[in-house]
C-alpha atoms as a PDB file:
ATOM      1  CA  UNK A   1     -17.080   3.659  37.578  1.00  0.00           C
ATOM      2  CA  UNK A   2     -13.563   2.481  36.731  1.00  0.00           C
ATOM      3  CA  UNK A   3     -11.329   2.630  33.736  1.00  0.00           C
ATOM      4  CA  UNK A   4     -10.707  -0.689  32.004  1.00  0.00           C
ATOM      5  CA  UNK A   5      -8.410  -0.746  29.018  1.00  0.00           C
ATOM      6  CA  UNK A   6      -9.435   2.764  28.160  1.00  0.00           C
ATOM      7  CA  UNK A   7     -13.204   2.127  28.607  1.00  0.00           C
ATOM      8  CA  UNK A   8     -15.440   3.194  31.469  1.00  0.00           C
ATOM      9  CA  UNK A   9     -17.277   0.339  33.175  1.00  0.00           C
ATOM     10  CA  UNK A  10     -20.612   0.823  34.937  1.00  0.00           C
ATOM     11  CA  UNK A  11     -22.383  -1.760  37.060  1.00  0.00           C
ATOM     12  CA  UNK A  12     -26.117  -2.487  36.917  1.00  0.00           C
ATOM     13  CA  UNK A  13     -28.046  -0.041  39.093  1.00  0.00           C
ATOM     14  CA  UNK A  14     -30.709  -2.537  40.264  1.00  0.00           C
ATOM     15  CA  UNK A  15     -28.965  -5.873  39.729  1.00  0.00           C
ATOM     16  CA  UNK A  16     -30.322  -7.421  42.943  1.00  0.00           C
ATOM     17  CA  UNK A  17     -33.906  -6.580  42.031  1.00  0.00           C
ATOM     18  CA  UNK A  18     -33.834  -8.080  38.549  1.00  0.00           C
ATOM     19  CA  UNK A  19     -30.947 -10.593  38.667  1.00  0.00           C
ATOM     20  CA  UNK A  20     -31.053 -11.728  42.285  1.00  0.00           C
ATOM     21  CA  UNK A  21     -32.935 -14.962  41.545  1.00  0.00           C
ATOM     22  CA  UNK A  22     -30.501 -16.260  38.902  1.00  0.00           C
ATOM     23  CA  UNK A  23     -29.638 -19.910  39.501  1.00  0.00           C
ATOM     24  CA  UNK A  24     -26.179 -21.428  39.093  1.00  0.00           C
ATOM     25  CA  UNK A  25     -26.900 -22.879  35.664  1.00  0.00           C
ATOM     26  CA  UNK A  26     -28.113 -19.554  34.285  1.00  0.00           C
ATOM     27  CA  UNK A  27     -25.176 -17.666  35.796  1.00  0.00           C
ATOM     28  CA  UNK A  28     -22.777 -20.193  34.259  1.00  0.00           C
ATOM     29  CA  UNK A  29     -24.420 -19.832  30.845  1.00  0.00           C
ATOM     30  CA  UNK A  30     -24.191 -16.038  31.054  1.00  0.00           C
ATOM     31  CA  UNK A  31     -20.500 -16.134  31.929  1.00  0.00           C
ATOM     32  CA  UNK A  32     -19.714 -18.616  29.140  1.00  0.00           C
ATOM     33  CA  UNK A  33     -21.663 -16.567  26.581  1.00  0.00           C
ATOM     34  CA  UNK A  34     -19.951 -13.341  27.631  1.00  0.00           C
ATOM     35  CA  UNK A  35     -16.362 -14.683  27.560  1.00  0.00           C
ATOM     36  CA  UNK A  36     -14.032 -16.585  25.288  1.00  0.00           C
ATOM     37  CA  UNK A  37     -12.703 -18.367  28.384  1.00  0.00           C
ATOM     38  CA  UNK A  38     -13.759 -18.409  32.060  1.00  0.00           C
ATOM     39  CA  UNK A  39     -11.824 -19.965  34.951  1.00  0.00           C
ATOM     40  CA  UNK A  40     -13.077 -20.888  38.424  1.00  0.00           C
ATOM     41  CA  UNK A  41     -10.110 -20.459  40.780  1.00  0.00           C
ATOM     42  CA  UNK A  42      -9.350 -20.921  44.490  1.00  0.00           C
ATOM     43  CA  UNK A  43      -7.422 -17.719  45.068  1.00  0.00           C
ATOM     44  CA  UNK A  44      -6.342 -18.644  48.606  1.00  0.00           C
ATOM     45  CA  UNK A  45      -4.895 -22.018  47.611  1.00  0.00           C
ATOM     46  CA  UNK A  46      -2.106 -21.110  45.182  1.00  0.00           C
ATOM     47  CA  UNK A  47      -4.686 -19.974  42.653  1.00  0.00           C
ATOM     48  CA  UNK A  48      -5.563 -23.533  41.580  1.00  0.00           C
ATOM     49  CA  UNK A  49      -7.925 -23.750  38.566  1.00  0.00           C
ATOM     50  CA  UNK A  50     -10.926 -25.934  39.471  1.00  0.00           C
ATOM     51  CA  UNK A  51     -13.081 -25.514  36.385  1.00  0.00           C
ATOM     52  CA  UNK A  52     -12.976 -23.913  32.949  1.00  0.00           C
ATOM     53  CA  UNK A  53     -15.425 -23.070  30.203  1.00  0.00           C
ATOM     54  CA  UNK A  54     -14.718 -22.004  26.625  1.00  0.00           C
ATOM     55  CA  UNK A  55     -16.838 -19.861  24.363  1.00  0.00           C
ATOM     56  CA  UNK A  56     -14.618 -20.696  21.379  1.00  0.00           C
ATOM     57  CA  UNK A  57     -13.767 -24.134  19.982  1.00  0.00           C
ATOM     58  CA  UNK A  58     -10.535 -22.767  18.518  1.00  0.00           C
ATOM     59  CA  UNK A  59      -9.413 -21.476  21.904  1.00  0.00           C
ATOM     60  CA  UNK A  60     -10.298 -24.787  23.567  1.00  0.00           C
ATOM     61  CA  UNK A  61      -8.125 -26.658  21.047  1.00  0.00           C
ATOM     62  CA  UNK A  62      -5.200 -24.347  21.720  1.00  0.00           C
ATOM     63  CA  UNK A  63      -5.352 -24.226  25.527  1.00  0.00           C
ATOM     64  CA  UNK A  64      -7.122 -27.531  26.373  1.00  0.00           C
ATOM     65  CA  UNK A  65      -9.185 -28.099  29.489  1.00  0.00           C
ATOM     66  CA  UNK A  66      -6.824 -30.878  30.626  1.00  0.00           C
ATOM     67  CA  UNK A  67      -3.855 -28.500  30.589  1.00  0.00           C
ATOM     68  CA  UNK A  68      -5.633 -26.007  32.852  1.00  0.00           C
ATOM     69  CA  UNK A  69      -7.678 -27.823  35.511  1.00  0.00           C
ATOM     70  CA  UNK A  70      -5.742 -28.724  38.654  1.00  0.00           C
ATOM     71  CA  UNK A  71      -2.845 -26.361  37.909  1.00  0.00           C
ATOM     72  CA  UNK A  72      -2.032 -23.010  39.494  1.00  0.00           C
ATOM     73  CA  UNK A  73      -3.245 -20.297  37.158  1.00  0.00           C
ATOM     74  CA  UNK A  74       0.147 -18.582  37.334  1.00  0.00           C
ATOM     75  CA  UNK A  75       1.826 -21.673  35.825  1.00  0.00           C
ATOM     76  CA  UNK A  76      -0.394 -21.605  32.724  1.00  0.00           C
ATOM     77  CA  UNK A  77       0.915 -18.255  31.477  1.00  0.00           C
ATOM     78  CA  UNK A  78       4.255 -17.016  30.162  1.00  0.00           C
ATOM     79  CA  UNK A  79       6.851 -15.783  32.721  1.00  0.00           C
ATOM     80  CA  UNK A  80       6.346 -12.128  31.876  1.00  0.00           C
ATOM     81  CA  UNK A  81       2.591 -12.497  32.505  1.00  0.00           C
ATOM     82  CA  UNK A  82       2.912 -13.942  36.021  1.00  0.00           C
ATOM     83  CA  UNK A  83       3.089 -10.599  37.896  1.00  0.00           C
ATOM     84  CA  UNK A  84      -0.196  -9.682  36.226  1.00  0.00           C
ATOM     85  CA  UNK A  85      -1.832 -12.907  37.473  1.00  0.00           C
ATOM     86  CA  UNK A  86      -0.661 -12.132  41.011  1.00  0.00           C
ATOM     87  CA  UNK A  87      -2.110  -8.611  40.726  1.00  0.00           C
ATOM     88  CA  UNK A  88      -5.446  -9.928  39.423  1.00  0.00           C
ATOM     89  CA  UNK A  89      -5.822 -12.428  42.274  1.00  0.00           C
ATOM     90  CA  UNK A  90      -4.815  -9.832  44.856  1.00  0.00           C
ATOM     91  CA  UNK A  91      -7.375  -7.334  43.545  1.00  0.00           C
ATOM     92  CA  UNK A  92     -10.098 -10.003  43.615  1.00  0.00           C
ATOM     93  CA  UNK A  93      -9.355 -11.012  47.225  1.00  0.00           C
ATOM     94  CA  UNK A  94      -9.299  -7.346  48.283  1.00  0.00           C
ATOM     95  CA  UNK A  95     -12.681  -6.824  46.593  1.00  0.00           C
ATOM     96  CA  UNK A  96     -11.098  -4.072  44.472  1.00  0.00           C
ATOM     97  CA  UNK A  97     -12.833  -2.774  41.394  1.00  0.00           C
ATOM     98  CA  UNK A  98     -12.155  -5.245  38.539  1.00  0.00           C
ATOM     99  CA  UNK A  99      -9.517  -4.294  35.994  1.00  0.00           C
ATOM    100  CA  UNK A 100      -8.598  -5.876  32.689  1.00  0.00           C
ATOM    101  CA  UNK A 101      -5.041  -7.152  32.239  1.00  0.00           C
ATOM    102  CA  UNK A 102      -3.513  -8.806  29.196  1.00  0.00           C
ATOM    103  CA  UNK A 103      -1.603 -12.065  29.699  1.00  0.00           C
ATOM    104  CA  UNK A 104      -0.285 -14.740  27.346  1.00  0.00           C
ATOM    105  CA  UNK A 105      -0.874 -18.493  27.479  1.00  0.00           C
ATOM    106  CA  UNK A 106       1.843 -20.622  25.820  1.00  0.00           C
ATOM    107  CA  UNK A 107       0.661 -23.435  23.520  1.00  0.00           C
ATOM    108  CA  UNK A 108       2.182 -26.745  22.451  1.00  0.00           C
ATOM    109  CA  UNK A 109       2.968 -25.268  19.016  1.00  0.00           C
ATOM    110  CA  UNK A 110       5.368 -22.767  20.586  1.00  0.00           C
ATOM    111  CA  UNK A 111       3.109 -19.776  19.991  1.00  0.00           C
ATOM    112  CA  UNK A 112       1.253 -17.840  22.670  1.00  0.00           C
ATOM    113  CA  UNK A 113      -2.395 -16.868  22.929  1.00  0.00           C
ATOM    114  CA  UNK A 114      -3.021 -13.306  24.203  1.00  0.00           C
ATOM    115  CA  UNK A 115      -6.018 -13.121  26.563  1.00  0.00           C
ATOM    116  CA  UNK A 116      -7.401 -10.158  28.449  1.00  0.00           C
ATOM    117  CA  UNK A 117      -8.702 -11.116  31.916  1.00  0.00           C
ATOM    118  CA  UNK A 118     -10.815  -9.561  34.621  1.00  0.00           C
ATOM    119  CA  UNK A 119     -11.354 -11.351  37.966  1.00  0.00           C
ATOM    120  CA  UNK A 120     -14.321 -11.275  40.370  1.00  0.00           C
ATOM    121  CA  UNK A 121     -14.609 -12.937  43.774  1.00  0.00           C
ATOM    122  CA  UNK A 122     -17.681 -15.134  44.280  1.00  0.00           C
ATOM    123  CA  UNK A 123     -18.640 -16.034  47.852  1.00  0.00           C
ATOM    124  CA  UNK A 124     -16.368 -15.532  50.838  1.00  0.00           C
ATOM    125  CA  UNK A 125     -14.015 -18.526  50.613  1.00  0.00           C
ATOM    126  CA  UNK A 126     -11.502 -17.202  48.139  1.00  0.00           C
ATOM    127  CA  UNK A 127     -13.305 -18.473  45.078  1.00  0.00           C
ATOM    128  CA  UNK A 128     -12.928 -16.226  42.059  1.00  0.00           C
ATOM    129  CA  UNK A 129     -13.997 -16.276  38.434  1.00  0.00           C
ATOM    130  CA  UNK A 130     -11.510 -15.090  35.830  1.00  0.00           C
ATOM    131  CA  UNK A 131     -13.282 -13.965  32.660  1.00  0.00           C
ATOM    132  CA  UNK A 132     -11.145 -13.722  29.559  1.00  0.00           C
ATOM    133  CA  UNK A 133     -11.414 -12.263  26.075  1.00  0.00           C
ATOM    134  CA  UNK A 134      -9.152 -13.661  23.387  1.00  0.00           C
ATOM    135  CA  UNK A 135      -7.057 -10.991  21.669  1.00  0.00           C
ATOM    136  CA  UNK A 136      -6.026 -13.337  18.861  1.00  0.00           C
ATOM    137  CA  UNK A 137      -8.407 -11.762  16.276  1.00  0.00           C
ATOM    138  CA  UNK A 138      -7.046  -8.315  17.144  1.00  0.00           C
ATOM    139  CA  UNK A 139      -3.458  -9.590  16.933  1.00  0.00           C
ATOM    140  CA  UNK A 140      -4.190 -11.193  13.550  1.00  0.00           C
ATOM    141  CA  UNK A 141      -5.747  -7.969  12.289  1.00  0.00           C
ATOM    142  CA  UNK A 142      -2.717  -5.993  13.458  1.00  0.00           C
ATOM    143  CA  UNK A 143      -0.415  -8.483  11.732  1.00  0.00           C
ATOM    144  CA  UNK A 144      -2.412  -8.204   8.493  1.00  0.00           C
ATOM    145  CA  UNK A 145      -2.251  -4.421   8.745  1.00  0.00           C
ATOM    146  CA  UNK A 146       1.510  -4.601   9.285  1.00  0.00           C
ATOM    147  CA  UNK A 147       1.952  -6.916   6.282  1.00  0.00           C
ATOM    148  CA  UNK A 148      -0.198  -4.632   4.126  1.00  0.00           C
ATOM    149  CA  UNK A 149       1.901  -1.649   5.209  1.00  0.00           C
ATOM    150  CA  UNK A 150       5.126  -3.492   4.407  1.00  0.00           C
ATOM    151  CA  UNK A 151       3.729  -4.535   1.024  1.00  0.00           C
ATOM    152  CA  UNK A 152       2.796  -0.923   0.250  1.00  0.00           C
ATOM    153  CA  UNK A 153       6.265   0.243   1.287  1.00  0.00           C
ATOM    154  CA  UNK A 154       7.897  -2.379  -0.971  1.00  0.00           C
ATOM    155  CA  UNK A 155       5.661  -1.381  -3.900  1.00  0.00           C
ATOM    156  CA  UNK A 156       6.323   2.313  -3.282  1.00  0.00           C
ATOM    157  CA  UNK A 157      10.071   1.628  -3.191  1.00  0.00           C
ATOM    158  CA  UNK A 158       9.850  -0.329  -6.454  1.00  0.00           C
ATOM    159  CA  UNK A 159       7.888   2.451  -8.159  1.00  0.00           C
ATOM    160  CA  UNK A 160      10.272   5.092  -6.823  1.00  0.00           C
ATOM    161  CA  UNK A 161      13.259   3.161  -8.187  1.00  0.00           C
ATOM    162  CA  UNK A 162      11.530   2.751 -11.559  1.00  0.00           C
ATOM    163  CA  UNK A 163      10.726   6.483 -11.635  1.00  0.00           C
ATOM    164  CA  UNK A 164      14.357   7.272 -10.828  1.00  0.00           C
ATOM    165  CA  UNK A 165      15.560   5.034 -13.669  1.00  0.00           C
ATOM    166  CA  UNK A 166      13.140   6.546 -16.172  1.00  0.00           C
ATOM    167  CA  UNK A 167      14.006  10.086 -15.094  1.00  0.00           C
ATOM    168  CA  UNK A 168      17.693   9.272 -15.546  1.00  0.00           C
ATOM    169  CA  UNK A 169      16.973   7.895 -19.025  1.00  0.00           C
ATOM    170  CA  UNK A 170      15.100  11.087 -19.842  1.00  0.00           C
ATOM    171  CA  UNK A 171      18.004  13.252 -18.738  1.00  0.00           C
ATOM    172  CA  UNK A 172      20.821  11.338 -20.476  1.00  0.00           C
ATOM    173  CA  UNK A 173      18.956  10.658 -23.752  1.00  0.00           C
ATOM    174  CA  UNK A 174      20.701  11.945 -26.857  1.00  0.00           C
ATOM    175  CA  UNK A 175      17.309  12.589 -28.435  1.00  0.00           C
ATOM    176  CA  UNK A 176      15.615  15.911 -27.661  1.00  0.00           C
ATOM    177  CA  UNK A 177      12.499  15.162 -25.609  1.00  0.00           C
ATOM    178  CA  UNK A 178       9.956  17.571 -24.091  1.00  0.00           C
ATOM    179  CA  UNK A 179       6.946  16.791 -21.904  1.00  0.00           C
ATOM    180  CA  UNK A 180       4.006  19.167 -22.404  1.00  0.00           C
ATOM    181  CA  UNK A 181       0.805  19.440 -20.358  1.00  0.00           C
ATOM    182  CA  UNK A 182      -2.016  18.632 -22.796  1.00  0.00           C
ATOM    183  CA  UNK A 183      -4.426  21.064 -21.157  1.00  0.00           C
ATOM    184  CA  UNK A 184      -2.319  24.202 -20.889  1.00  0.00           C
ATOM    185  CA  UNK A 185       0.245  23.180 -23.539  1.00  0.00           C
ATOM    186  CA  UNK A 186       2.945  24.450 -21.226  1.00  0.00           C
ATOM    187  CA  UNK A 187       6.266  22.656 -20.951  1.00  0.00           C
ATOM    188  CA  UNK A 188       6.500  20.522 -17.821  1.00  0.00           C
ATOM    189  CA  UNK A 189       9.967  19.169 -18.428  1.00  0.00           C
ATOM    190  CA  UNK A 190      12.664  19.267 -21.100  1.00  0.00           C
ATOM    191  CA  UNK A 191      15.829  17.206 -21.215  1.00  0.00           C
ATOM    192  CA  UNK A 192      19.277  18.776 -21.818  1.00  0.00           C
ATOM    193  CA  UNK A 193      19.293  17.678 -25.477  1.00  0.00           C
ATOM    194  CA  UNK A 194      16.069  19.610 -26.147  1.00  0.00           C
ATOM    195  CA  UNK A 195      17.306  22.728 -24.369  1.00  0.00           C
ATOM    196  CA  UNK A 196      20.521  22.661 -26.403  1.00  0.00           C
ATOM    197  CA  UNK A 197      18.697  22.111 -29.697  1.00  0.00           C
ATOM    198  CA  UNK A 198      16.367  25.085 -29.099  1.00  0.00           C
ATOM    199  CA  UNK A 199      19.256  27.399 -28.328  1.00  0.00           C
ATOM    200  CA  UNK A 200      18.450  30.593 -26.442  1.00  0.00           C
ATOM    201  CA  UNK A 201      14.713  29.811 -26.286  1.00  0.00           C
ATOM    202  CA  UNK A 202      15.388  26.474 -24.604  1.00  0.00           C
ATOM    203  CA  UNK A 203      16.946  28.086 -21.526  1.00  0.00           C
ATOM    204  CA  UNK A 204      13.585  29.479 -20.352  1.00  0.00           C
ATOM    205  CA  UNK A 205      11.335  26.799 -21.821  1.00  0.00           C
ATOM    206  CA  UNK A 206       9.984  25.071 -18.710  1.00  0.00           C
ATOM    207  CA  UNK A 207       6.746  26.607 -17.417  1.00  0.00           C
ATOM    208  CA  UNK A 208       5.981  28.418 -20.682  1.00  0.00           C
ATOM    209  CA  UNK A 209       3.913  27.444 -23.720  1.00  0.00           C
ATOM    210  CA  UNK A 210       5.944  25.332 -26.141  1.00  0.00           C
ATOM    211  CA  UNK A 211       4.877  27.598 -29.004  1.00  0.00           C
ATOM    212  CA  UNK A 212       6.816  30.479 -27.418  1.00  0.00           C
ATOM    213  CA  UNK A 213      10.050  28.828 -28.586  1.00  0.00           C
ATOM    214  CA  UNK A 214       9.042  28.946 -32.257  1.00  0.00           C
ATOM    215  CA  UNK A 215       8.279  31.518 -34.926  1.00  0.00           C
ATOM    216  CA  UNK A 216       4.623  32.468 -35.492  1.00  0.00           C
ATOM    217  CA  UNK A 217       4.061  30.263 -38.603  1.00  0.00           C
ATOM    218  CA  UNK A 218       5.517  27.292 -36.712  1.00  0.00           C
ATOM    219  CA  UNK A 219       3.129  27.897 -33.829  1.00  0.00           C
ATOM    220  CA  UNK A 220       0.211  27.219 -36.162  1.00  0.00           C
ATOM    221  CA  UNK A 221       1.898  23.997 -37.266  1.00  0.00           C
ATOM    222  CA  UNK A 222       2.390  23.087 -33.625  1.00  0.00           C
ATOM    223  CA  UNK A 223      -1.329  23.673 -32.940  1.00  0.00           C
ATOM    224  CA  UNK A 224      -2.135  21.395 -35.883  1.00  0.00           C
ATOM    225  CA  UNK A 225       0.255  18.768 -34.499  1.00  0.00           C
ATOM    226  CA  UNK A 226      -1.369  18.790 -31.069  1.00  0.00           C
ATOM    227  CA  UNK A 227      -4.823  18.621 -32.615  1.00  0.00           C
ATOM    228  CA  UNK A 228      -3.860  15.506 -34.557  1.00  0.00           C
ATOM    229  CA  UNK A 229      -2.251  13.938 -31.493  1.00  0.00           C
ATOM    230  CA  UNK A 230      -5.393  14.597 -29.474  1.00  0.00           C
ATOM    231  CA  UNK A 231      -7.480  12.872 -32.135  1.00  0.00           C
ATOM    232  CA  UNK A 232      -5.187  10.017 -33.143  1.00  0.00           C
ATOM    233  CA  UNK A 233      -2.779   9.703 -30.227  1.00  0.00           C
ATOM    234  CA  UNK A 234       0.308  10.219 -32.396  1.00  0.00           C
ATOM    235  CA  UNK A 235       1.642  12.585 -35.082  1.00  0.00           C
ATOM    236  CA  UNK A 236       5.019  12.839 -36.840  1.00  0.00           C
ATOM    237  CA  UNK A 237       7.290  14.998 -38.966  1.00  0.00           C
ATOM    238  CA  UNK A 238       5.880  18.489 -38.662  1.00  0.00           C
ATOM    239  CA  UNK A 239       8.443  21.132 -39.748  1.00  0.00           C
ATOM    240  CA  UNK A 240       9.113  23.911 -37.244  1.00  0.00           C
ATOM    241  CA  UNK A 241      11.370  26.955 -37.197  1.00  0.00           C
ATOM    242  CA  UNK A 242      12.706  28.164 -33.827  1.00  0.00           C
ATOM    243  CA  UNK A 243      12.180  31.730 -32.692  1.00  0.00           C
ATOM    244  CA  UNK A 244      15.891  32.633 -32.788  1.00  0.00           C
ATOM    245  CA  UNK A 245      17.690  32.757 -36.123  1.00  0.00           C
ATOM    246  CA  UNK A 246      20.747  31.020 -34.742  1.00  0.00           C
ATOM    247  CA  UNK A 247      18.840  27.837 -33.927  1.00  0.00           C
ATOM    248  CA  UNK A 248      18.437  25.076 -36.504  1.00  0.00           C
ATOM    249  CA  UNK A 249      15.158  24.294 -38.216  1.00  0.00           C
ATOM    250  CA  UNK A 250      13.685  21.040 -36.975  1.00  0.00           C
ATOM    251  CA  UNK A 251      10.919  18.528 -37.288  1.00  0.00           C
ATOM    252  CA  UNK A 252       8.721  17.448 -34.450  1.00  0.00           C
ATOM    253  CA  UNK A 253       6.674  14.368 -33.584  1.00  0.00           C
ATOM    254  CA  UNK A 254       4.489  13.796 -30.557  1.00  0.00           C
ATOM    255  CA  UNK A 255       2.393  11.177 -28.795  1.00  0.00           C
ATOM    256  CA  UNK A 256      -0.193  11.341 -26.024  1.00  0.00           C
ATOM    257  CA  UNK A 257       0.181   9.615 -22.654  1.00  0.00           C
ATOM    258  CA  UNK A 258      -1.724   9.617 -19.363  1.00  0.00           C
ATOM    259  CA  UNK A 259      -0.326  10.061 -15.862  1.00  0.00           C
ATOM    260  CA  UNK A 260      -2.793   9.994 -12.996  1.00  0.00           C
ATOM    261  CA  UNK A 261      -5.763  12.083 -14.079  1.00  0.00           C
ATOM    262  CA  UNK A 262      -3.807  14.279 -16.486  1.00  0.00           C
ATOM    263  CA  UNK A 263      -2.851  14.011 -20.153  1.00  0.00           C
ATOM    264  CA  UNK A 264       0.578  14.927 -21.485  1.00  0.00           C
ATOM    265  CA  UNK A 265       2.303  15.142 -24.861  1.00  0.00           C
ATOM    266  CA  UNK A 266       5.658  13.436 -25.301  1.00  0.00           C
ATOM    267  CA  UNK A 267       7.307  15.684 -27.891  1.00  0.00           C
ATOM    268  CA  UNK A 268      10.444  14.616 -29.796  1.00  0.00           C
ATOM    269  CA  UNK A 269      12.547  17.093 -31.772  1.00  0.00           C
ATOM    270  CA  UNK A 270      14.926  16.264 -34.629  1.00  0.00           C
ATOM    271  CA  UNK A 271      17.168  18.550 -36.706  1.00  0.00           C
ATOM    272  CA  UNK A 272      15.323  19.672 -39.833  1.00  0.00           C
ATOM    273  CA  UNK A 273      18.189  18.789 -42.178  1.00  0.00           C
ATOM    274  CA  UNK A 274      17.848  15.090 -41.375  1.00  0.00           C
ATOM    275  CA  UNK A 275      15.910  13.046 -43.957  1.00  0.00           C
ATOM    276  CA  UNK A 276      12.871  11.048 -42.702  1.00  0.00           C
ATOM    277  CA  UNK A 277      14.618   7.674 -42.918  1.00  0.00           C
ATOM    278  CA  UNK A 278      17.603   8.925 -40.991  1.00  0.00           C
ATOM    279  CA  UNK A 279      15.309  10.564 -38.483  1.00  0.00           C
ATOM    280  CA  UNK A 280      13.450   7.309 -37.873  1.00  0.00           C
ATOM    281  CA  UNK A 281      16.775   5.490 -37.537  1.00  0.00           C
ATOM    282  CA  UNK A 282      17.970   8.144 -35.103  1.00  0.00           C
ATOM    283  CA  UNK A 283      14.883   7.607 -32.942  1.00  0.00           C
ATOM    284  CA  UNK A 284      15.368   3.849 -32.917  1.00  0.00           C
ATOM    285  CA  UNK A 285      19.025   4.100 -32.059  1.00  0.00           C
ATOM    286  CA  UNK A 286      18.819   6.904 -29.539  1.00  0.00           C
ATOM    287  CA  UNK A 287      20.258   6.110 -26.124  1.00  0.00           C
ATOM    288  CA  UNK A 288      16.903   6.433 -24.399  1.00  0.00           C
ATOM    289  CA  UNK A 289      15.369   3.709 -26.551  1.00  0.00           C
ATOM    290  CA  UNK A 290      18.433   1.494 -26.208  1.00  0.00           C
ATOM    291  CA  UNK A 291      18.341   1.649 -22.427  1.00  0.00           C
ATOM    292  CA  UNK A 292      14.543   1.281 -22.255  1.00  0.00           C
ATOM    293  CA  UNK A 293      14.837  -1.711 -24.566  1.00  0.00           C
ATOM    294  CA  UNK A 294      17.171  -3.465 -22.108  1.00  0.00           C
ATOM    295  CA  UNK A 295      15.325  -2.339 -18.966  1.00  0.00           C
ATOM    296  CA  UNK A 296      14.063  -5.136 -16.656  1.00  0.00           C
ATOM    297  CA  UNK A 297      10.784  -3.202 -16.333  1.00  0.00           C
ATOM    298  CA  UNK A 298       8.113  -3.854 -18.959  1.00  0.00           C
ATOM    299  CA  UNK A 299       7.718  -0.644 -20.994  1.00  0.00           C
ATOM    300  CA  UNK A 300       5.109   0.047 -23.697  1.00  0.00           C
ATOM    301  CA  UNK A 301       3.937   3.188 -25.496  1.00  0.00           C
ATOM    302  CA  UNK A 302       0.433   3.307 -26.977  1.00  0.00           C
ATOM    303  CA  UNK A 303      -1.635   5.891 -28.768  1.00  0.00           C
ATOM    304  CA  UNK A 304      -4.964   7.193 -27.508  1.00  0.00           C
ATOM    305  CA  UNK A 305      -6.736   4.153 -28.975  1.00  0.00           C
ATOM    306  CA  UNK A 306      -4.525   1.827 -26.974  1.00  0.00           C
ATOM    307  CA  UNK A 307      -2.628   0.589 -30.054  1.00  0.00           C
ATOM    308  CA  UNK A 308       1.003  -0.238 -29.330  1.00  0.00           C
ATOM    309  CA  UNK A 309       3.622   2.060 -30.851  1.00  0.00           C
ATOM    310  CA  UNK A 310       6.681   0.725 -29.016  1.00  0.00           C
ATOM    311  CA  UNK A 311       7.363  -2.168 -26.633  1.00  0.00           C
ATOM    312  CA  UNK A 312      10.623  -3.306 -25.037  1.00  0.00           C
ATOM    313  CA  UNK A 313      11.871  -6.871 -24.554  1.00  0.00           C
ATOM    314  CA  UNK A 314      10.566  -7.117 -20.990  1.00  0.00           C
ATOM    315  CA  UNK A 315       7.050  -6.334 -22.223  1.00  0.00           C
ATOM    316  CA  UNK A 316       7.323  -8.876 -25.049  1.00  0.00           C
ATOM    317  CA  UNK A 317       8.351 -11.526 -22.515  1.00  0.00           C
ATOM    318  CA  UNK A 318       5.427 -10.543 -20.310  1.00  0.00           C
ATOM    319  CA  UNK A 319       2.898 -11.076 -23.130  1.00  0.00           C
ATOM    320  CA  UNK A 320       4.887 -14.076 -24.454  1.00  0.00           C
ATOM    321  CA  UNK A 321       5.553 -12.716 -27.962  1.00  0.00           C
ATOM    322  CA  UNK A 322       8.761 -12.875 -29.955  1.00  0.00           C
ATOM    323  CA  UNK A 323       9.021  -9.574 -31.822  1.00  0.00           C
ATOM    324  CA  UNK A 324       7.846  -5.995 -31.499  1.00  0.00           C
ATOM    325  CA  UNK A 325       6.112  -6.216 -34.895  1.00  0.00           C
ATOM    326  CA  UNK A 326       3.681  -8.733 -33.390  1.00  0.00           C
ATOM    327  CA  UNK A 327       2.282  -6.121 -30.995  1.00  0.00           C
ATOM    328  CA  UNK A 328       2.820  -2.857 -32.887  1.00  0.00           C
ATOM    329  CA  UNK A 329      -0.555  -1.382 -33.805  1.00  0.00           C
ATOM    330  CA  UNK A 330      -2.372  -4.002 -31.713  1.00  0.00           C
ATOM    331  CA  UNK A 331      -4.747  -2.671 -29.066  1.00  0.00           C
ATOM    332  CA  UNK A 332      -5.221  -6.062 -27.389  1.00  0.00           C
ATOM    333  CA  UNK A 333      -1.707  -6.490 -25.944  1.00  0.00           C
END
């Protein structure tokens, strides 16, 4: 047994008994069928190639019989492969156990074909057979894997940059925004505007139920709000009173969105002394919506039915529509 490219090779135990009467034609057919390329070489005469067979039409087109026969084998490979050819021929002449070595054949196109060879001596006059396996399919597979990995890295980088931009928008928005886990109804994240608006309760908001920041009657209103959002995907203008007397009364609106396998509420808070028209205008003119509107990334908000509630210019360009009114309330966009 010997190691060959990480594999253990074992010879036939009774080859002479069952294969001893093979004729030349059958032996040639077996070698051709087992290899992508096979060379008959005179190892004692500069390693001249006397004959060649191909098991692959593609490989024959790339290497060409005419470019191989009559030439020293060492001259048909790239310079860095030549020591390996010398080692293969030496091992064959010394009747050493065969080993596989990878060499490269240059082609007329400027590329190289990687081939893995093993050499056996036949007869006693320095004649050897070099049996080769093309590594081109493996090289192509490795290249495809590398390209797929690079593509994934580029996509991950793009998504990470987009997430960074959206997180920055969330943090710098003048509008008070809170993200709530739809299952536990606990606050996942709150921007500085929301924390400031809620006063003392806002400082320990994250990780707790949103209702903990409001008086008991407002908690029932908040439950009603979430119930409507769960059913319709969106709800607006519910009055709430914070837990601490020093904080201002406010109105709340919320919408449902999905991230991965989880559902979340996007909750927006507005001072309660602002009339509905002014509140709507405040939402439209808030910094977060202004920046999202001009973002190069397509951005759209839908309700649970898939009907569009908001879409920025990049999304309108993507669906080839002129105004937001053309997609608002449409579930087909």
